[in-house]
Amino acid sequence: MIQDTKIQELQDLINNANKIVFFGGAGVSTESGIPDFRSKDGLYKLKSIYDKPYEEMLSHHYFKNNTETFYEFYKSFMIKKDAKPNNAHLYLAKKEKEGKNIKIITQNIDGLHQLAGSKNVIELHGSIYRNYCQNCGRFFDLDYILNSNGIPRCNVCNGIIKPDVVLYEESLNEMVLTKAIIALQEADLLIIAGTSLSVYPANGLINYFFGDNIVVINNDELNISNKKVKLFIKDKVGKVFSKLN
């Protein structure tokens, strides 16, 4: 009964909001079969089959110094091409299509929000669907990476191709950050879902939200400094959105 009351409160907040920002992390995509990173079953808790922990293998220095092994790991663990949008992705896309002003800020690189149909998606950490030659800048799609043997190389200049994803030790794109900040400043409802808010600088972005209505949908409560959470729902993100109209 308490959970039903919270679902109705969330529905009312969405219905009454003029501009919504959905700020999502890895927990948004777990119901699509994509594992998260830091939960008890997350990628970083698994025993690595390589020479380094998986978290280190997602760093810039590891990509630079161990490019072929990076791609072995990346293709096996980071790309889930058969994953489908779940109820969270589908609900947000549906509401946007109905005319609701929703901007999505995602820490995920899986492209599931776009596959669901959302147009206003700000990808903080890039996308597996974009890859570029570090030498000439030419872009390549995901299939080119998947069909490459060893280190993917540019078919024009033979330069090494890098996924357009933000690795540890790399900075976020300034233009993307600016878009996220503006969206948060303009919003009157912020929904934070499926994230531990432990990755810098993404975790600091919510400080740019100045509205009164913050909703958290997560398995764990979040310690959000200087911010008051209006509604906390402890549950799976897709499950919560499946109950909304």
Protein backbone atom coordinates (compact mmCIF):
# COMPACT_ATOMS: atom_id res chain seq x y z
CA MET A 1 0.00 0.00 0.00
CA ILE A 2 2.85 2.37 0.88
CA GLN A 3 4.53 1.61 -2.46
CA ASP A 4 1.24 2.22 -4.31
CA THR A 5 0.99 5.63 -2.64
CA LYS A 6 4.52 6.45 -3.77
CA ILE A 7 3.75 5.40 -7.34
CA GLN A 8 0.74 7.71 -7.37
CA GLU A 9 2.83 10.54 -5.95
CA LEU A 10 5.39 10.02 -8.72
CA GLN A 11 2.62 10.00 -11.31
CA ASP A 12 1.27 13.29 -9.96
CA LEU A 13 4.73 14.89 -10.00
CA ILE A 14 5.25 13.84 -13.63
CA ASN A 15 1.78 15.04 -14.67
CA ASN A 16 2.27 18.44 -13.04
CA ALA A 17 5.85 19.07 -14.13
CA ASN A 18 6.65 21.45 -16.97
CA LYS A 19 10.23 20.37 -17.59
CA ILE A 20 11.56 17.00 -16.43
CA VAL A 21 15.13 15.75 -16.28
CA PHE A 22 15.65 12.01 -15.93
CA PHE A 23 19.18 11.39 -14.65
CA GLY A 24 19.97 7.71 -15.07
CA GLY A 25 22.81 5.31 -14.36
CA ALA A 26 23.63 1.67 -14.96
CA GLY A 27 20.67 0.48 -12.87
CA VAL A 28 18.31 1.76 -15.58
CA SER A 29 19.57 -0.91 -17.98
CA THR A 30 20.00 -3.94 -15.72
CA GLU A 31 16.46 -5.10 -16.51
CA SER A 32 17.53 -5.15 -20.16
CA GLY A 33 20.22 -7.68 -19.32
CA ILE A 34 23.12 -5.25 -19.07
CA PRO A 35 25.00 -5.68 -15.75
CA ASP A 36 25.88 -2.65 -13.67
CA PHE A 37 29.29 -1.98 -12.19
CA ARG A 38 29.26 -1.55 -8.43
CA SER A 39 26.38 -3.66 -7.05
CA LYS A 40 27.06 -7.04 -5.44
CA ASP A 41 26.55 -8.70 -8.83
CA GLY A 42 28.18 -5.90 -10.82
CA LEU A 43 31.04 -6.13 -13.28
CA TYR A 44 33.64 -4.79 -10.86
CA LYS A 45 32.83 -7.51 -8.31
CA LEU A 46 33.58 -10.31 -10.78
CA LYS A 47 36.97 -12.01 -10.76
CA SER A 48 38.88 -10.71 -13.78
CA ILE A 49 39.95 -13.23 -16.41
CA TYR A 50 42.60 -10.77 -17.55
CA ASP A 51 45.80 -9.37 -16.05
CA LYS A 52 44.07 -6.41 -14.41
CA PRO A 53 40.77 -5.67 -12.61
CA TYR A 54 37.94 -4.78 -14.99
CA GLU A 55 37.72 -1.27 -13.56
CA GLU A 56 41.34 -0.56 -14.52
CA MET A 57 40.75 -2.01 -17.98
CA LEU A 58 38.27 0.80 -18.60
CA SER A 59 40.97 3.43 -18.12
CA HIS A 60 42.69 5.57 -20.74
CA HIS A 61 46.13 4.26 -19.85
CA TYR A 62 45.03 0.64 -20.24
CA PHE A 63 43.47 1.37 -23.65
CA LYS A 64 46.65 3.13 -24.75
CA ASN A 65 49.09 0.49 -23.51
CA ASN A 66 47.05 -2.70 -24.00
CA THR A 67 44.80 -1.86 -26.92
CA GLU A 68 44.23 -5.37 -28.23
CA THR A 69 43.37 -6.79 -24.78
CA PHE A 70 41.15 -3.78 -24.12
CA TYR A 71 39.13 -4.60 -27.22
CA GLU A 72 38.83 -8.27 -26.25
CA PHE A 73 37.37 -7.20 -22.93
CA TYR A 74 35.30 -4.36 -24.38
CA LYS A 75 33.60 -6.53 -27.01
CA SER A 76 32.90 -9.32 -24.51
CA PHE A 77 31.70 -7.30 -21.53
CA MET A 78 30.67 -3.81 -22.63
CA ILE A 79 28.73 -4.44 -25.84
CA LYS A 80 25.32 -6.10 -25.49
CA LYS A 81 23.95 -5.58 -28.98
CA ASP A 82 20.90 -7.79 -28.41
CA ALA A 83 19.73 -5.79 -25.36
CA LYS A 84 16.26 -4.26 -25.73
CA PRO A 85 14.78 -1.18 -24.03
CA ASN A 86 12.86 -1.99 -20.85
CA ASN A 87 9.81 -0.32 -19.31
CA ALA A 88 11.81 2.68 -18.09
CA HIS A 89 13.20 3.49 -21.54
CA LEU A 90 9.84 2.87 -23.20
CA TYR A 91 7.86 5.01 -20.75
CA LEU A 92 10.15 8.01 -21.12
CA ALA A 93 10.01 7.75 -24.92
CA LYS A 94 6.22 7.46 -24.83
CA LYS A 95 5.80 10.55 -22.64
CA GLU A 96 8.15 12.55 -24.88
CA LYS A 97 6.14 11.50 -27.94
CA GLU A 98 2.96 12.61 -26.15
CA GLY A 99 4.47 16.07 -25.80
CA LYS A 100 5.96 15.98 -22.30
CA ASN A 101 9.13 18.04 -22.01
CA ILE A 102 11.62 15.39 -20.90
CA LYS A 103 15.39 15.52 -21.20
CA ILE A 104 17.38 12.41 -20.38
CA ILE A 105 20.88 12.66 -18.94
CA THR A 106 22.39 9.20 -19.02
CA GLN A 107 25.67 7.80 -17.75
CA ASN A 108 25.09 4.70 -19.89
CA ILE A 109 26.71 4.02 -23.26
CA ASP A 110 24.21 1.40 -24.47
CA GLY A 111 21.97 3.64 -26.59
CA LEU A 112 18.77 2.06 -25.23
CA HIS A 113 16.99 5.37 -24.72
CA GLN A 114 17.38 6.17 -28.42
CA LEU A 115 16.36 2.64 -29.39
CA ALA A 116 13.16 3.19 -27.38
CA GLY A 117 12.49 6.38 -29.34
CA SER A 118 13.69 9.18 -27.08
CA LYS A 119 15.14 12.17 -28.93
CA ASN A 120 16.33 14.45 -26.11
CA VAL A 121 19.16 12.28 -24.77
CA ILE A 122 22.38 13.69 -23.33
CA GLU A 123 25.03 10.96 -23.19
CA LEU A 124 27.58 11.94 -20.54
CA HIS A 125 29.89 9.01 -21.23
CA GLY A 126 29.42 8.57 -24.96
CA SER A 127 28.03 5.62 -26.91
CA ILE A 128 29.13 2.19 -28.14
CA TYR A 129 27.50 3.08 -31.47
CA ARG A 130 30.09 5.79 -32.25
CA ASN A 131 33.77 5.06 -32.85
CA TYR A 132 36.42 7.25 -34.39
CA CYS A 133 39.89 7.04 -35.87
CA GLN A 134 42.37 8.72 -33.54
CA ASN A 135 44.47 9.73 -36.54
CA CYS A 136 42.07 11.19 -39.13
CA GLY A 137 38.82 11.50 -37.14
CA ARG A 138 36.75 9.31 -39.47
CA PHE A 139 33.74 7.75 -37.70
CA PHE A 140 32.79 4.06 -37.73
CA ASP A 141 29.67 2.23 -36.59
CA LEU A 142 29.42 -0.57 -34.06
CA ASP A 143 29.37 -3.35 -36.65
CA TYR A 144 32.75 -2.20 -37.97
CA ILE A 145 34.20 -2.69 -34.48
CA LEU A 146 32.53 -6.05 -33.93
CA ASN A 147 33.69 -7.36 -37.30
CA SER A 148 37.31 -6.28 -36.80
CA ASN A 149 39.97 -8.74 -35.74
CA GLY A 150 42.43 -7.61 -33.09
CA ILE A 151 42.75 -3.84 -32.93
CA PRO A 152 40.16 -2.06 -35.14
CA ARG A 153 41.92 0.20 -37.61
CA CYS A 154 40.74 2.89 -39.99
CA ASN A 155 40.17 1.63 -43.54
CA VAL A 156 41.50 4.94 -44.91
CA CYS A 157 44.63 5.81 -42.91
CA ASN A 158 45.15 2.64 -40.79
CA GLY A 159 44.91 4.66 -37.57
CA ILE A 160 43.69 3.00 -34.37
CA ILE A 161 39.98 3.39 -33.77
CA LYS A 162 38.73 4.32 -30.30
CA PRO A 163 35.18 3.93 -29.01
CA ASP A 164 33.54 7.31 -28.45
CA VAL A 165 33.13 6.52 -24.76
CA VAL A 166 34.66 8.32 -21.80
CA LEU A 167 37.21 6.11 -20.08
CA TYR A 168 38.62 6.69 -16.61
CA GLU A 169 41.24 9.49 -16.66
CA GLU A 170 39.44 11.17 -19.58
CA SER A 171 37.42 14.39 -19.38
CA LEU A 172 33.76 14.67 -20.26
CA ASN A 173 32.90 16.57 -23.41
CA GLU A 174 32.44 20.25 -22.49
CA MET A 175 29.53 20.74 -24.89
CA VAL A 176 27.74 17.71 -23.46
CA LEU A 177 28.32 18.96 -19.92
CA THR A 178 26.94 22.37 -20.81
CA LYS A 179 23.77 20.83 -22.28
CA ALA A 180 23.29 18.78 -19.11
CA ILE A 181 23.77 21.80 -16.85
CA ILE A 182 21.28 23.91 -18.80
CA ALA A 183 18.71 21.10 -18.76
CA LEU A 184 19.05 20.73 -14.99
CA GLN A 185 18.83 24.46 -14.35
CA GLU A 186 15.61 24.73 -16.37
CA ALA A 187 13.88 21.66 -14.91
CA ASP A 188 11.24 21.65 -12.19
CA LEU A 189 11.34 17.87 -11.65
CA LEU A 190 14.50 15.77 -11.35
CA ILE A 191 14.23 11.99 -11.36
CA ILE A 192 17.45 10.25 -10.35
CA ALA A 193 17.36 6.53 -11.13
CA GLY A 194 19.64 3.50 -11.04
CA THR A 195 22.83 5.26 -10.03
CA SER A 196 25.12 5.32 -7.02
CA LEU A 197 26.18 8.89 -7.87
CA SER A 198 29.76 7.85 -7.15
CA VAL A 199 31.40 8.81 -10.46
CA TYR A 200 32.92 12.27 -10.77
CA PRO A 201 32.07 14.69 -12.34
CA ALA A 202 28.64 13.27 -13.22
CA ASN A 203 27.67 13.10 -9.55
CA GLY A 204 28.19 16.84 -9.15
CA LEU A 205 25.81 17.76 -11.92
CA ILE A 206 22.69 17.46 -9.78
CA ASN A 207 23.87 20.53 -7.86
CA TYR A 208 22.70 22.54 -10.89
CA PHE A 209 19.09 21.56 -10.21
CA PHE A 210 17.38 24.32 -8.25
CA GLY A 211 13.82 22.99 -8.17
CA ASP A 212 11.97 21.56 -5.20
CA ASN A 213 11.04 18.14 -6.57
CA ILE A 214 13.71 15.44 -6.54
CA VAL A 215 12.68 11.80 -6.92
CA VAL A 216 15.14 8.93 -6.36
CA ILE A 217 14.39 5.44 -7.70
CA ASN A 218 17.15 3.16 -6.54
CA ASN A 219 17.95 0.04 -4.55
CA ASP A 220 19.89 2.18 -2.08
CA GLU A 221 19.26 5.63 -0.68
CA LEU A 222 21.58 8.34 -1.92
CA ASN A 223 23.45 10.87 0.15
CA ILE A 224 22.76 14.04 -1.80
CA SER A 225 24.44 16.95 -0.08
CA ASN A 226 22.46 20.19 0.16
CA LYS A 227 19.51 18.60 -1.62
CA LYS A 228 16.25 17.38 -0.14
CA VAL A 229 14.72 14.29 -1.74
CA LYS A 230 10.96 14.66 -2.00
CA LEU A 231 10.28 11.01 -2.88
CA PHE A 232 12.41 7.87 -2.56
CA ILE A 233 11.24 4.60 -4.13
CA LYS A 234 13.31 1.53 -3.32
CA ASP A 235 12.72 -0.73 -6.32
CA LYS A 236 13.87 -1.63 -9.82
CA VAL A 237 13.57 1.30 -12.20
CA GLY A 238 11.74 -0.52 -15.00
CA LYS A 239 9.31 -2.07 -12.54
CA VAL A 240 8.40 1.38 -11.18
CA PHE A 241 7.82 2.86 -14.62
CA SER A 242 5.69 -0.11 -15.67
CA LYS A 243 3.12 1.05 -13.11
CA LEU A 244 2.82 4.59 -14.48
CA ASN A 245 0.42 5.96 -17.08
